[in-house]
C-alpha atoms as a PDB file:
ATOM      1  CA  UNK A   1     -40.746 -50.766-119.155  1.00  0.00           C
ATOM      2  CA  UNK A   2     -39.228 -47.875-118.170  1.00  0.00           C
ATOM      3  CA  UNK A   3     -36.930 -47.286-115.514  1.00  0.00           C
ATOM      4  CA  UNK A   4     -37.954 -45.928-111.749  1.00  0.00           C
ATOM      5  CA  UNK A   5     -38.029 -42.403-111.721  1.00  0.00           C
ATOM      6  CA  UNK A   6     -35.532 -41.064-109.018  1.00  0.00           C
ATOM      7  CA  UNK A   7     -37.890 -38.246-107.029  1.00  0.00           C
ATOM      8  CA  UNK A   8     -34.912 -37.561-104.532  1.00  0.00           C
ATOM      9  CA  UNK A   9     -32.686 -35.678-106.804  1.00  0.00           C
ATOM     10  CA  UNK A  10     -29.910 -37.235-105.230  1.00  0.00           C
ATOM     11  CA  UNK A  11     -30.189 -35.637-102.137  1.00  0.00           C
ATOM     12  CA  UNK A  12     -31.945 -38.250 -99.791  1.00  0.00           C
ATOM     13  CA  UNK A  13     -29.880 -39.005 -96.961  1.00  0.00           C
ATOM     14  CA  UNK A  14     -27.694 -35.942 -96.552  1.00  0.00           C
ATOM     15  CA  UNK A  15     -27.926 -34.150 -93.044  1.00  0.00           C
ATOM     16  CA  UNK A  16     -28.134 -30.145 -93.244  1.00  0.00           C
ATOM     17  CA  UNK A  17     -25.283 -27.862 -92.323  1.00  0.00           C
ATOM     18  CA  UNK A  18     -24.777 -27.006 -88.710  1.00  0.00           C
ATOM     19  CA  UNK A  19     -24.590 -23.450 -87.967  1.00  0.00           C
ATOM     20  CA  UNK A  20     -22.565 -21.493 -85.612  1.00  0.00           C
ATOM     21  CA  UNK A  21     -24.564 -21.570 -82.107  1.00  0.00           C
ATOM     22  CA  UNK A  22     -26.663 -24.312 -83.265  1.00  0.00           C
ATOM     23  CA  UNK A  23     -26.665 -27.317 -80.345  1.00  0.00           C
ATOM     24  CA  UNK A  24     -27.261 -30.584 -80.142  1.00  0.00           C
ATOM     25  CA  UNK A  25     -30.563 -30.234 -78.768  1.00  0.00           C
ATOM     26  CA  UNK A  26     -31.663 -27.949 -81.863  1.00  0.00           C
ATOM     27  CA  UNK A  27     -32.398 -24.949 -79.229  1.00  0.00           C
ATOM     28  CA  UNK A  28     -29.955 -22.439 -80.883  1.00  0.00           C
ATOM     29  CA  UNK A  29     -28.077 -20.078 -77.846  1.00  0.00           C
ATOM     30  CA  UNK A  30     -28.871 -22.202 -74.982  1.00  0.00           C
ATOM     31  CA  UNK A  31     -25.847 -23.424 -72.496  1.00  0.00           C
ATOM     32  CA  UNK A  32     -25.302 -27.143 -72.129  1.00  0.00           C
ATOM     33  CA  UNK A  33     -26.911 -28.186 -68.667  1.00  0.00           C
ATOM     34  CA  UNK A  34     -23.809 -30.104 -67.619  1.00  0.00           C
ATOM     35  CA  UNK A  35     -21.350 -26.486 -68.382  1.00  0.00           C
ATOM     36  CA  UNK A  36     -24.405 -24.849 -66.245  1.00  0.00           C
ATOM     37  CA  UNK A  37     -23.685 -27.142 -63.394  1.00  0.00           C
ATOM     38  CA  UNK A  38     -20.079 -26.940 -63.576  1.00  0.00           C
ATOM     39  CA  UNK A  39     -20.148 -23.247 -63.719  1.00  0.00           C
ATOM     40  CA  UNK A  40     -22.574 -23.009 -60.653  1.00  0.00           C
ATOM     41  CA  UNK A  41     -20.269 -25.598 -58.463  1.00  0.00           C
ATOM     42  CA  UNK A  42     -17.125 -23.070 -59.313  1.00  0.00           C
ATOM     43  CA  UNK A  43     -18.940 -20.268 -58.126  1.00  0.00           C
ATOM     44  CA  UNK A  44     -20.161 -21.822 -55.169  1.00  0.00           C
ATOM     45  CA  UNK A  45     -16.362 -23.004 -54.254  1.00  0.00           C
ATOM     46  CA  UNK A  46     -15.089 -19.861 -54.804  1.00  0.00           C
ATOM     47  CA  UNK A  47     -17.878 -18.020 -52.741  1.00  0.00           C
ATOM     48  CA  UNK A  48     -17.321 -20.560 -49.992  1.00  0.00           C
ATOM     49  CA  UNK A  49     -13.410 -19.716 -50.392  1.00  0.00           C
ATOM     50  CA  UNK A  50     -14.027 -16.127 -49.923  1.00  0.00           C
ATOM     51  CA  UNK A  51     -16.510 -16.822 -46.827  1.00  0.00           C
ATOM     52  CA  UNK A  52     -13.758 -18.964 -45.229  1.00  0.00           C
ATOM     53  CA  UNK A  53     -10.985 -16.334 -45.925  1.00  0.00           C
ATOM     54  CA  UNK A  54     -13.382 -13.427 -44.196  1.00  0.00           C
ATOM     55  CA  UNK A  55     -14.238 -15.782 -41.490  1.00  0.00           C
ATOM     56  CA  UNK A  56     -10.383 -16.339 -40.708  1.00  0.00           C
ATOM     57  CA  UNK A  57      -9.774 -12.867 -40.961  1.00  0.00           C
ATOM     58  CA  UNK A  58     -12.657 -12.013 -38.429  1.00  0.00           C
ATOM     59  CA  UNK A  59     -11.482 -14.755 -36.256  1.00  0.00           C
ATOM     60  CA  UNK A  60      -7.703 -12.944 -36.283  1.00  0.00           C
ATOM     61  CA  UNK A  61      -9.304  -9.649 -35.854  1.00  0.00           C
ATOM     62  CA  UNK A  62     -11.274 -10.826 -32.696  1.00  0.00           C
ATOM     63  CA  UNK A  63      -8.082 -12.786 -31.489  1.00  0.00           C
ATOM     64  CA  UNK A  64      -6.139  -9.691 -31.526  1.00  0.00           C
ATOM     65  CA  UNK A  65      -9.114  -7.738 -29.752  1.00  0.00           C
ATOM     66  CA  UNK A  66      -9.234 -10.522 -26.891  1.00  0.00           C
ATOM     67  CA  UNK A  67      -5.423 -10.410 -26.641  1.00  0.00           C
ATOM     68  CA  UNK A  68      -5.461  -6.527 -26.061  1.00  0.00           C
ATOM     69  CA  UNK A  69      -8.831  -6.898 -24.153  1.00  0.00           C
ATOM     70  CA  UNK A  70      -6.836  -9.078 -21.659  1.00  0.00           C
ATOM     71  CA  UNK A  71      -3.867  -7.272 -21.442  1.00  0.00           C
ATOM     72  CA  UNK A  72      -5.795  -4.395 -20.443  1.00  0.00           C
ATOM     73  CA  UNK A  73      -7.643  -6.399 -17.860  1.00  0.00           C
ATOM     74  CA  UNK A  74      -4.368  -8.051 -16.781  1.00  0.00           C
ATOM     75  CA  UNK A  75      -2.759  -4.375 -16.159  1.00  0.00           C
ATOM     76  CA  UNK A  76      -5.811  -2.474 -15.313  1.00  0.00           C
ATOM     77  CA  UNK A  77      -6.616  -3.942 -12.029  1.00  0.00           C
ATOM     78  CA  UNK A  78      -3.203  -3.873 -10.803  1.00  0.00           C
ATOM     79  CA  UNK A  79      -2.666  -0.496 -11.407  1.00  0.00           C
ATOM     80  CA  UNK A  80      -5.999   0.453  -9.833  1.00  0.00           C
ATOM     81  CA  UNK A  81      -5.125  -1.655  -6.599  1.00  0.00           C
ATOM     82  CA  UNK A  82      -1.746  -0.080  -6.381  1.00  0.00           C
ATOM     83  CA  UNK A  83      -3.069   3.588  -6.763  1.00  0.00           C
ATOM     84  CA  UNK A  84      -5.753   2.820  -4.524  1.00  0.00           C
ATOM     85  CA  UNK A  85      -3.696   1.659  -1.950  1.00  0.00           C
ATOM     86  CA  UNK A  86      -1.203   4.450  -2.183  1.00  0.00           C
ATOM     87  CA  UNK A  87      -4.006   7.053  -1.735  1.00  0.00           C
ATOM     88  CA  UNK A  88      -5.387   5.199   1.241  1.00  0.00           C
ATOM     89  CA  UNK A  89      -2.310   5.276   2.933  1.00  0.00           C
ATOM     90  CA  UNK A  90      -1.345   8.788   2.360  1.00  0.00           C
ATOM     91  CA  UNK A  91      -5.057   9.317   3.505  1.00  0.00           C
ATOM     92  CA  UNK A  92      -4.456   7.470   6.928  1.00  0.00           C
ATOM     93  CA  UNK A  93      -1.314   9.263   7.163  1.00  0.00           C
ATOM     94  CA  UNK A  94      -2.962  12.594   6.646  1.00  0.00           C
ATOM     95  CA  UNK A  95      -5.860  11.599   9.122  1.00  0.00           C
ATOM     96  CA  UNK A  96      -3.225  10.570  11.882  1.00  0.00           C
ATOM     97  CA  UNK A  97      -0.882  13.654  11.593  1.00  0.00           C
ATOM     98  CA  UNK A  98      -4.663  15.600  12.039  1.00  0.00           C
ATOM     99  CA  UNK A  99      -5.142  13.761  15.080  1.00  0.00           C
ATOM    100  CA  UNK A 100      -1.202  13.783  16.445  1.00  0.00           C
ATOM    101  CA  UNK A 101       0.050  16.897  15.603  1.00  0.00           C
ATOM    102  CA  UNK A 102       3.165  14.670  15.031  1.00  0.00           C
ATOM    103  CA  UNK A 103       5.024  13.717  12.232  1.00  0.00           C
ATOM    104  CA  UNK A 104       5.636  10.969  11.595  1.00  0.00           C
ATOM    105  CA  UNK A 105       2.657  10.164  14.137  1.00  0.00           C
ATOM    106  CA  UNK A 106       4.170   6.714  14.257  1.00  0.00           C
ATOM    107  CA  UNK A 107       7.491   5.627  15.667  1.00  0.00           C
ATOM    108  CA  UNK A 108       8.936   2.012  15.760  1.00  0.00           C
ATOM    109  CA  UNK A 109      10.486   0.354  19.068  1.00  0.00           C
ATOM    110  CA  UNK A 110      13.945  -0.637  18.625  1.00  0.00           C
ATOM    111  CA  UNK A 111      14.778  -1.862  21.881  1.00  0.00           C
ATOM    112  CA  UNK A 112      13.558  -3.942  24.824  1.00  0.00           C
ATOM    113  CA  UNK A 113      14.115  -0.807  27.083  1.00  0.00           C
ATOM    114  CA  UNK A 114      10.278  -1.057  27.752  1.00  0.00           C
ATOM    115  CA  UNK A 115       9.626  -4.198  28.089  1.00  0.00           C
ATOM    116  CA  UNK A 116       7.191  -5.656  29.015  1.00  0.00           C
ATOM    117  CA  UNK A 117       5.177  -3.238  28.251  1.00  0.00           C
ATOM    118  CA  UNK A 118       6.179  -2.157  25.062  1.00  0.00           C
ATOM    119  CA  UNK A 119       7.904  -5.015  22.553  1.00  0.00           C
ATOM    120  CA  UNK A 120      10.340  -4.866  20.058  1.00  0.00           C
ATOM    121  CA  UNK A 121       9.195  -4.278  16.646  1.00  0.00           C
ATOM    122  CA  UNK A 122       5.989  -2.586  17.962  1.00  0.00           C
ATOM    123  CA  UNK A 123       4.739   0.436  16.344  1.00  0.00           C
ATOM    124  CA  UNK A 124       3.665   3.420  19.052  1.00  0.00           C
ATOM    125  CA  UNK A 125       1.036   6.197  17.783  1.00  0.00           C
ATOM    126  CA  UNK A 126       2.508   9.475  19.067  1.00  0.00           C
ATOM    127  CA  UNK A 127       0.546  12.497  19.928  1.00  0.00           C
ATOM    128  CA  UNK A 128       1.448  16.177  20.804  1.00  0.00           C
ATOM    129  CA  UNK A 129       1.827  16.833  24.175  1.00  0.00           C
ATOM    130  CA  UNK A 130      -0.421  19.823  24.193  1.00  0.00           C
ATOM    131  CA  UNK A 131      -3.230  18.033  22.578  1.00  0.00           C
ATOM    132  CA  UNK A 132      -5.897  16.547  24.390  1.00  0.00           C
ATOM    133  CA  UNK A 133      -4.025  17.031  27.787  1.00  0.00           C
ATOM    134  CA  UNK A 134      -5.539  14.976  30.650  1.00  0.00           C
ATOM    135  CA  UNK A 135      -6.372  16.770  33.670  1.00  0.00           C
ATOM    136  CA  UNK A 136      -3.495  15.452  36.088  1.00  0.00           C
ATOM    137  CA  UNK A 137      -1.160  17.184  33.612  1.00  0.00           C
ATOM    138  CA  UNK A 138      -1.710  20.417  35.265  1.00  0.00           C
ATOM    139  CA  UNK A 139      -0.294  18.663  38.956  1.00  0.00           C
ATOM    140  CA  UNK A 140       2.573  17.483  36.825  1.00  0.00           C
ATOM    141  CA  UNK A 141       4.578  20.528  36.260  1.00  0.00           C
ATOM    142  CA  UNK A 142       4.487  24.368  36.611  1.00  0.00           C
ATOM    143  CA  UNK A 143       4.655  24.739  33.086  1.00  0.00           C
ATOM    144  CA  UNK A 144       1.596  22.634  32.403  1.00  0.00           C
ATOM    145  CA  UNK A 145       3.452  20.689  29.532  1.00  0.00           C
ATOM    146  CA  UNK A 146       0.847  18.154  29.229  1.00  0.00           C
ATOM    147  CA  UNK A 147       2.733  15.477  30.331  1.00  0.00           C
ATOM    148  CA  UNK A 148       1.682  13.528  33.391  1.00  0.00           C
ATOM    149  CA  UNK A 149       4.782  12.117  35.358  1.00  0.00           C
ATOM    150  CA  UNK A 150       4.689   8.648  36.973  1.00  0.00           C
ATOM    151  CA  UNK A 151       4.944  10.551  40.559  1.00  0.00           C
ATOM    152  CA  UNK A 152       1.739  12.190  39.781  1.00  0.00           C
ATOM    153  CA  UNK A 153      -0.024   9.330  37.803  1.00  0.00           C
ATOM    154  CA  UNK A 154       0.557   7.306  40.797  1.00  0.00           C
ATOM    155  CA  UNK A 155      -1.326   9.549  43.187  1.00  0.00           C
ATOM    156  CA  UNK A 156      -4.185  10.131  40.688  1.00  0.00           C
ATOM    157  CA  UNK A 157      -4.326   6.571  39.118  1.00  0.00           C
ATOM    158  CA  UNK A 158      -3.524   7.749  35.506  1.00  0.00           C
ATOM    159  CA  UNK A 159      -1.314   5.153  33.836  1.00  0.00           C
ATOM    160  CA  UNK A 160      -0.222   4.454  30.505  1.00  0.00           C
ATOM    161  CA  UNK A 161       1.521   1.580  29.029  1.00  0.00           C
ATOM    162  CA  UNK A 162       0.668  -0.840  32.097  1.00  0.00           C
ATOM    163  CA  UNK A 163       2.479   1.909  34.573  1.00  0.00           C
ATOM    164  CA  UNK A 164       2.040   4.984  36.023  1.00  0.00           C
ATOM    165  CA  UNK A 165       2.324   8.157  34.251  1.00  0.00           C
ATOM    166  CA  UNK A 166       2.852   9.178  30.444  1.00  0.00           C
ATOM    167  CA  UNK A 167       5.528   7.366  28.376  1.00  0.00           C
ATOM    168  CA  UNK A 168       7.402  10.150  26.100  1.00  0.00           C
ATOM    169  CA  UNK A 169       9.521  10.133  22.767  1.00  0.00           C
ATOM    170  CA  UNK A 170      12.008  12.916  23.039  1.00  0.00           C
ATOM    171  CA  UNK A 171      15.240  14.074  21.715  1.00  0.00           C
ATOM    172  CA  UNK A 172      18.194  13.021  23.776  1.00  0.00           C
ATOM    173  CA  UNK A 173      19.989  16.289  24.996  1.00  0.00           C
ATOM    174  CA  UNK A 174      17.813  18.160  22.170  1.00  0.00           C
ATOM    175  CA  UNK A 175      19.929  16.625  19.593  1.00  0.00           C
ATOM    176  CA  UNK A 176      17.091  15.701  16.517  1.00  0.00           C
ATOM    177  CA  UNK A 177      20.209  13.853  14.669  1.00  0.00           C
ATOM    178  CA  UNK A 178      20.115  11.052  17.188  1.00  0.00           C
ATOM    179  CA  UNK A 179      17.544   8.493  17.798  1.00  0.00           C
ATOM    180  CA  UNK A 180      14.527   9.713  19.726  1.00  0.00           C
ATOM    181  CA  UNK A 181      14.172   7.652  22.850  1.00  0.00           C
ATOM    182  CA  UNK A 182      10.904   6.458  24.130  1.00  0.00           C
ATOM    183  CA  UNK A 183      11.029   6.223  28.035  1.00  0.00           C
ATOM    184  CA  UNK A 184       8.541   6.908  31.050  1.00  0.00           C
ATOM    185  CA  UNK A 185       8.539  10.389  32.296  1.00  0.00           C
ATOM    186  CA  UNK A 186       9.243   9.458  36.044  1.00  0.00           C
ATOM    187  CA  UNK A 187       9.199  13.038  37.937  1.00  0.00           C
ATOM    188  CA  UNK A 188       9.772  16.935  37.438  1.00  0.00           C
ATOM    189  CA  UNK A 189      12.652  18.421  38.825  1.00  0.00           C
ATOM    190  CA  UNK A 190      13.386  22.224  38.848  1.00  0.00           C
ATOM    191  CA  UNK A 191      16.946  23.962  38.186  1.00  0.00           C
ATOM    192  CA  UNK A 192      19.303  23.557  40.781  1.00  0.00           C
ATOM    193  CA  UNK A 193      17.506  21.128  42.599  1.00  0.00           C
ATOM    194  CA  UNK A 194      19.418  17.987  43.774  1.00  0.00           C
ATOM    195  CA  UNK A 195      17.093  15.470  42.124  1.00  0.00           C
ATOM    196  CA  UNK A 196      18.871  12.399  43.896  1.00  0.00           C
ATOM    197  CA  UNK A 197      17.118  13.465  47.123  1.00  0.00           C
ATOM    198  CA  UNK A 198      13.594  13.868  45.172  1.00  0.00           C
ATOM    199  CA  UNK A 199      10.749  12.845  47.390  1.00  0.00           C
ATOM    200  CA  UNK A 200       9.671  10.524  44.376  1.00  0.00           C
ATOM    201  CA  UNK A 201      13.298   9.114  43.545  1.00  0.00           C
ATOM    202  CA  UNK A 202      13.877   5.332  44.049  1.00  0.00           C
ATOM    203  CA  UNK A 203      17.310   4.871  45.124  1.00  0.00           C
ATOM    204  CA  UNK A 204      17.402   1.709  43.527  1.00  0.00           C
ATOM    205  CA  UNK A 205      17.482   3.329  40.139  1.00  0.00           C
ATOM    206  CA  UNK A 206      20.207   5.757  41.043  1.00  0.00           C
ATOM    207  CA  UNK A 207      23.146   3.528  40.621  1.00  0.00           C
ATOM    208  CA  UNK A 208      26.534   5.398  41.002  1.00  0.00           C
ATOM    209  CA  UNK A 209      25.298   8.610  40.759  1.00  0.00           C
ATOM    210  CA  UNK A 210      26.261  11.343  43.196  1.00  0.00           C
ATOM    211  CA  UNK A 211      27.325  14.495  44.360  1.00  0.00           C
ATOM    212  CA  UNK A 212      26.980  17.353  41.709  1.00  0.00           C
ATOM    213  CA  UNK A 213      25.622  14.816  39.168  1.00  0.00           C
ATOM    214  CA  UNK A 214      22.361  14.943  40.919  1.00  0.00           C
ATOM    215  CA  UNK A 215      22.083  18.740  40.628  1.00  0.00           C
ATOM    216  CA  UNK A 216      20.045  19.628  37.717  1.00  0.00           C
ATOM    217  CA  UNK A 217      21.279  22.325  35.137  1.00  0.00           C
ATOM    218  CA  UNK A 218      17.979  23.019  33.979  1.00  0.00           C
ATOM    219  CA  UNK A 219      14.345  22.144  34.590  1.00  0.00           C
ATOM    220  CA  UNK A 220      13.280  19.027  33.106  1.00  0.00           C
ATOM    221  CA  UNK A 221      11.747  15.169  33.303  1.00  0.00           C
ATOM    222  CA  UNK A 222      14.031  12.484  34.985  1.00  0.00           C
ATOM    223  CA  UNK A 223      12.812   9.296  32.703  1.00  0.00           C
ATOM    224  CA  UNK A 224      13.718   5.277  32.938  1.00  0.00           C
ATOM    225  CA  UNK A 225      13.120   2.737  30.480  1.00  0.00           C
ATOM    226  CA  UNK A 226      10.579   0.313  32.112  1.00  0.00           C
ATOM    227  CA  UNK A 227      13.295  -2.761  31.766  1.00  0.00           C
ATOM    228  CA  UNK A 228      16.058  -0.279  32.598  1.00  0.00           C
ATOM    229  CA  UNK A 229      17.894  -0.990  35.821  1.00  0.00           C
ATOM    230  CA  UNK A 230      18.624   2.991  36.696  1.00  0.00           C
ATOM    231  CA  UNK A 231      17.447   6.333  35.550  1.00  0.00           C
ATOM    232  CA  UNK A 232      18.231   7.776  31.936  1.00  0.00           C
ATOM    233  CA  UNK A 233      20.492  10.808  34.377  1.00  0.00           C
ATOM    234  CA  UNK A 234      22.235   8.416  36.088  1.00  0.00           C
ATOM    235  CA  UNK A 235      25.429   6.296  35.644  1.00  0.00           C
ATOM    236  CA  UNK A 236      26.252   6.661  31.706  1.00  0.00           C
ATOM    237  CA  UNK A 237      23.873   9.570  31.847  1.00  0.00           C
ATOM    238  CA  UNK A 238      21.911   9.001  28.783  1.00  0.00           C
ATOM    239  CA  UNK A 239      20.351  12.644  28.689  1.00  0.00           C
ATOM    240  CA  UNK A 240      20.141  15.773  30.974  1.00  0.00           C
ATOM    241  CA  UNK A 241      16.859  16.151  32.437  1.00  0.00           C
ATOM    242  CA  UNK A 242      14.348  16.036  29.675  1.00  0.00           C
ATOM    243  CA  UNK A 243      13.572  19.838  28.561  1.00  0.00           C
ATOM    244  CA  UNK A 244       9.610  20.212  27.226  1.00  0.00           C
ATOM    245  CA  UNK A 245      10.853  21.276  23.965  1.00  0.00           C
ATOM    246  CA  UNK A 246      12.826  18.240  23.690  1.00  0.00           C
ATOM    247  CA  UNK A 247       9.598  16.220  23.658  1.00  0.00           C
ATOM    248  CA  UNK A 248       8.164  14.998  20.597  1.00  0.00           C
ATOM    249  CA  UNK A 249       5.109  13.770  22.159  1.00  0.00           C
ATOM    250  CA  UNK A 250       3.373  11.129  24.171  1.00  0.00           C
ATOM    251  CA  UNK A 251       2.981   7.328  23.084  1.00  0.00           C
ATOM    252  CA  UNK A 252      -0.886   6.539  22.830  1.00  0.00           C
ATOM    253  CA  UNK A 253      -1.252   2.963  21.909  1.00  0.00           C
ATOM    254  CA  UNK A 254       0.793   0.456  19.986  1.00  0.00           C
ATOM    255  CA  UNK A 255       0.525  -1.801  17.339  1.00  0.00           C
ATOM    256  CA  UNK A 256       2.345  -5.345  17.843  1.00  0.00           C
ATOM    257  CA  UNK A 257       4.980  -6.245  15.021  1.00  0.00           C
ATOM    258  CA  UNK A 258       3.748  -3.594  12.776  1.00  0.00           C
ATOM    259  CA  UNK A 259       7.348  -1.626  13.173  1.00  0.00           C
ATOM    260  CA  UNK A 260       9.313  -4.408  11.921  1.00  0.00           C
ATOM    261  CA  UNK A 261       8.806  -3.190   8.614  1.00  0.00           C
ATOM    262  CA  UNK A 262       9.243   0.405   9.457  1.00  0.00           C
ATOM    263  CA  UNK A 263      12.984  -0.734  10.892  1.00  0.00           C
ATOM    264  CA  UNK A 264      13.721  -2.332   7.819  1.00  0.00           C
ATOM    265  CA  UNK A 265      13.952   0.862   5.939  1.00  0.00           C
END
């Protein structure tokens, strides 16, 4: 019997050579699904990192903007309040000056000479004596100063600050360097008149004054503090009879305690 013939030509069991680009799946040029998943995950991680970085930058910018806004909000209202307050004070001062004709239109009470009708630390509103003159002032003096004396006020019923007549602010002896005095105008005397014998004089307020001291060097007002024991022209002679041009104005109203702030400056 003859030997069996081998039809495989010795090539049985051999695998064909693999070519570059071939995959195990036999689908040439395709990427392994595992690799595609890894690449996708890497891209997602990078995207998330970028997003987080962007979010962080935006948050930082937002915080900086908020800080700037808070800074503006903190100073803005304060500056506006200060500006508004100053403007209001200036407008009030101009308004009072327009009404009173005197600057400053307010004076602080420094002593108790006008108690109990005016107290220390009161703030008194002063008006030019020529403005809004009461009808009683025509009878007060021949020169029509606009000031009503206590003597005329007692006859007519005109009163200010708890007693007859006007309370005036004046420079003692006309000296504007001295602190102004705020006292009541008691009566008017003429040049050369013996004011100690005036019909309106109260002898209990004369003190030890007499003789030539009672003769008026010039026309003017005899004045007195409501709480003082004597006329300003008696005893120590705080001032000579007050000339009309020494008068700053008449006190019209008072605000309790508000003068304390003025006295501190």
